[in-house]
Amino acid sequence: MIDRIVVWAMSLKARASEERGQDLVEYAVLTGTIAILVIAGAVLFSDAVRDWFGALATWFGSIGPAPAGS
């Protein structure tokens, strides 16, 4: 009877370690996919983002205080 319990406990431990490995692979795939999407978005939208920040800087410059000596 004890032999069966030991075998059962060892099989549970083996399954748990396999699941941990599977979780690690899933997280790696998810992280890689997110990284690829971020890089692709940065490449595709770089001009639009640069233009938007330029317009924002111009707007902030127009509402700020006048430079000293003006």
N, C-alpha and C. Protein backbone atom coordinates (compact mmCIF):
# COMPACT_ATOMS: atom_id res chain seq x y z
N MET A 1 0.82 -1.20 0.00
CA MET A 1 0.00 0.00 0.00
C MET A 1 0.86 1.26 0.00
N ILE A 2 1.89 1.28 0.81
CA ILE A 2 2.77 2.44 0.86
C ILE A 2 3.50 2.60 -0.47
N ASP A 3 3.85 1.51 -1.10
CA ASP A 3 4.50 1.58 -2.40
C ASP A 3 3.62 2.30 -3.42
N ARG A 4 2.34 1.99 -3.40
CA ARG A 4 1.41 2.65 -4.32
C ARG A 4 1.31 4.15 -4.05
N ILE A 5 1.30 4.51 -2.77
CA ILE A 5 1.23 5.93 -2.41
C ILE A 5 2.49 6.66 -2.87
N VAL A 6 3.64 6.03 -2.70
CA VAL A 6 4.90 6.65 -3.12
C VAL A 6 4.91 6.81 -4.64
N VAL A 7 4.49 5.80 -5.37
CA VAL A 7 4.45 5.88 -6.82
C VAL A 7 3.47 6.97 -7.26
N TRP A 8 2.32 7.04 -6.62
CA TRP A 8 1.33 8.06 -6.94
C TRP A 8 1.89 9.46 -6.67
N ALA A 9 2.55 9.66 -5.54
CA ALA A 9 3.12 10.96 -5.19
C ALA A 9 4.21 11.36 -6.18
N MET A 10 5.03 10.40 -6.58
CA MET A 10 6.10 10.69 -7.55
C MET A 10 5.51 11.06 -8.91
N SER A 11 4.42 10.41 -9.29
CA SER A 11 3.80 10.75 -10.57
C SER A 11 3.20 12.15 -10.53
N LEU A 12 2.65 12.55 -9.38
CA LEU A 12 2.13 13.92 -9.25
C LEU A 12 3.26 14.93 -9.36
N LYS A 13 4.38 14.63 -8.74
CA LYS A 13 5.52 15.54 -8.78
C LYS A 13 6.04 15.67 -10.22
N ALA A 14 6.10 14.57 -10.94
CA ALA A 14 6.56 14.61 -12.33
C ALA A 14 5.62 15.44 -13.20
N ARG A 15 4.33 15.28 -13.00
CA ARG A 15 3.36 16.07 -13.78
C ARG A 15 3.46 17.55 -13.46
N ALA A 16 3.68 17.87 -12.19
CA ALA A 16 3.79 19.27 -11.78
C ALA A 16 5.01 19.92 -12.42
N SER A 17 6.13 19.21 -12.48
CA SER A 17 7.32 19.80 -13.08
C SER A 17 7.14 19.97 -14.58
N GLU A 18 6.42 19.07 -15.24
CA GLU A 18 6.13 19.23 -16.67
C GLU A 18 5.26 20.44 -16.91
N GLU A 19 4.31 20.67 -16.04
CA GLU A 19 3.43 21.83 -16.20
C GLU A 19 4.19 23.13 -15.98
N ARG A 20 5.15 23.14 -15.04
CA ARG A 20 5.96 24.34 -14.84
C ARG A 20 6.77 24.64 -16.09
N GLY A 21 7.31 23.62 -16.71
CA GLY A 21 8.06 23.81 -17.94
C GLY A 21 7.18 24.33 -19.06
N GLN A 22 5.96 23.83 -19.11
CA GLN A 22 5.02 24.29 -20.13
C GLN A 22 4.66 25.75 -19.88
N ASP A 23 4.46 26.13 -18.62
CA ASP A 23 4.16 27.53 -18.31
C ASP A 23 5.31 28.44 -18.73
N LEU A 24 6.54 27.99 -18.50
CA LEU A 24 7.69 28.78 -18.87
C LEU A 24 7.74 29.00 -20.38
N VAL A 25 7.46 27.97 -21.13
CA VAL A 25 7.45 28.09 -22.60
C VAL A 25 6.33 29.04 -23.04
N GLU A 26 5.17 28.93 -22.42
CA GLU A 26 4.05 29.81 -22.79
C GLU A 26 4.39 31.27 -22.51
N TYR A 27 5.02 31.55 -21.36
CA TYR A 27 5.41 32.92 -21.05
C TYR A 27 6.47 33.42 -22.01
N ALA A 28 7.39 32.56 -22.40
CA ALA A 28 8.44 32.96 -23.35
C ALA A 28 7.82 33.30 -24.71
N VAL A 29 6.89 32.50 -25.16
CA VAL A 29 6.23 32.76 -26.45
C VAL A 29 5.43 34.05 -26.37
N LEU A 30 4.71 34.25 -25.29
CA LEU A 30 3.92 35.47 -25.11
C LEU A 30 4.82 36.70 -25.08
N THR A 31 5.91 36.63 -24.34
CA THR A 31 6.84 37.76 -24.25
C THR A 31 7.47 38.05 -25.61
N GLY A 32 7.85 37.02 -26.33
CA GLY A 32 8.42 37.21 -27.66
C GLY A 32 7.44 37.84 -28.62
N THR A 33 6.19 37.40 -28.56
CA THR A 33 5.15 37.96 -29.43
C THR A 33 4.92 39.44 -29.12
N ILE A 34 4.86 39.78 -27.86
CA ILE A 34 4.66 41.18 -27.47
C ILE A 34 5.85 42.03 -27.93
N ALA A 35 7.06 41.51 -27.77
CA ALA A 35 8.25 42.26 -28.21
C ALA A 35 8.21 42.51 -29.71
N ILE A 36 7.83 41.50 -30.48
CA ILE A 36 7.75 41.66 -31.93
C ILE A 36 6.70 42.70 -32.30
N LEU A 37 5.55 42.68 -31.63
CA LEU A 37 4.50 43.65 -31.91
C LEU A 37 4.92 45.07 -31.55
N VAL A 38 5.63 45.23 -30.45
CA VAL A 38 6.10 46.57 -30.06
C VAL A 38 7.11 47.09 -31.07
N ILE A 39 8.03 46.24 -31.50
CA ILE A 39 9.02 46.67 -32.49
C ILE A 39 8.34 47.02 -33.81
N ALA A 40 7.41 46.19 -34.25
CA ALA A 40 6.69 46.47 -35.49
C ALA A 40 5.90 47.77 -35.39
N GLY A 41 5.27 48.00 -34.25
CA GLY A 41 4.53 49.25 -34.06
C GLY A 41 5.44 50.46 -34.06
N ALA A 42 6.61 50.33 -33.45
CA ALA A 42 7.56 51.44 -33.43
C ALA A 42 8.04 51.76 -34.84
N VAL A 43 8.26 50.74 -35.65
CA VAL A 43 8.71 50.96 -37.02
C VAL A 43 7.59 51.57 -37.87
N LEU A 44 6.39 51.02 -37.74
CA LEU A 44 5.28 51.48 -38.57
C LEU A 44 4.81 52.89 -38.23
N PHE A 45 4.82 53.23 -36.95
CA PHE A 45 4.24 54.49 -36.52
C PHE A 45 5.27 55.53 -36.11
N SER A 46 6.54 55.31 -36.41
CA SER A 46 7.59 56.22 -35.94
C SER A 46 7.40 57.63 -36.51
N ASP A 47 7.06 57.75 -37.79
CA ASP A 47 6.88 59.08 -38.39
C ASP A 47 5.68 59.81 -37.77
N ALA A 48 4.60 59.10 -37.57
CA ALA A 48 3.40 59.71 -36.99
C ALA A 48 3.66 60.15 -35.55
N VAL A 49 4.36 59.34 -34.79
CA VAL A 49 4.65 59.69 -33.39
C VAL A 49 5.59 60.89 -33.34
N ARG A 50 6.60 60.90 -34.20
CA ARG A 50 7.54 62.04 -34.25
C ARG A 50 6.79 63.32 -34.60
N ASP A 51 5.91 63.26 -35.58
CA ASP A 51 5.14 64.44 -35.96
C ASP A 51 4.23 64.91 -34.84
N TRP A 52 3.61 63.96 -34.14
CA TRP A 52 2.71 64.30 -33.04
C TRP A 52 3.47 64.99 -31.91
N PHE A 53 4.65 64.44 -31.57
CA PHE A 53 5.44 65.07 -30.51
C PHE A 53 5.97 66.43 -30.96
N GLY A 54 6.29 66.58 -32.24
CA GLY A 54 6.71 67.88 -32.75
C GLY A 54 5.59 68.91 -32.63
N ALA A 55 4.38 68.52 -33.00
CA ALA A 55 3.23 69.42 -32.88
C ALA A 55 2.95 69.76 -31.42
N LEU A 56 3.11 68.78 -30.55
CA LEU A 56 2.90 69.01 -29.12
C LEU A 56 3.95 69.98 -28.57
N ALA A 57 5.19 69.82 -28.99
CA ALA A 57 6.25 70.73 -28.55
C ALA A 57 5.99 72.14 -29.05
N THR A 58 5.53 72.27 -30.29
CA THR A 58 5.20 73.59 -30.84
C THR A 58 4.06 74.23 -30.06
N TRP A 59 3.05 73.42 -29.73
CA TRP A 59 1.91 73.95 -28.97
C TRP A 59 2.35 74.41 -27.59
N PHE A 60 3.17 73.61 -26.91
CA PHE A 60 3.65 74.00 -25.59
C PHE A 60 4.53 75.25 -25.69
N GLY A 61 5.30 75.37 -26.76
CA GLY A 61 6.11 76.56 -26.94
C GLY A 61 5.29 77.80 -27.16
N SER A 62 4.12 77.64 -27.77
CA SER A 62 3.28 78.81 -28.03
C SER A 62 2.52 79.26 -26.80
N ILE A 63 2.31 78.39 -25.83
CA ILE A 63 1.55 78.81 -24.65
C ILE A 63 2.47 79.12 -23.47
N GLY A 64 3.74 78.86 -23.61
CA GLY A 64 4.69 79.11 -22.50
C GLY A 64 5.02 80.58 -22.38
N PRO A 65 5.77 80.91 -21.34
CA PRO A 65 6.18 82.31 -21.16
C PRO A 65 7.16 82.72 -22.26
N ALA A 66 7.19 84.02 -22.53
CA ALA A 66 8.10 84.54 -23.54
C ALA A 66 9.54 84.39 -23.04
N PRO A 67 10.47 84.11 -23.92
CA PRO A 67 11.87 83.97 -23.51
C PRO A 67 12.38 85.27 -22.90
N ALA A 68 13.34 85.15 -21.99
CA ALA A 68 13.89 86.34 -21.34
C ALA A 68 14.57 87.24 -22.38
N GLY A 69 14.40 88.55 -22.24
CA GLY A 69 15.01 89.50 -23.15
C GLY A 69 14.13 89.84 -24.34
N SER A 70 12.91 89.35 -24.36
CA SER A 70 12.03 89.64 -25.50
C SER A 70 11.17 90.84 -25.24
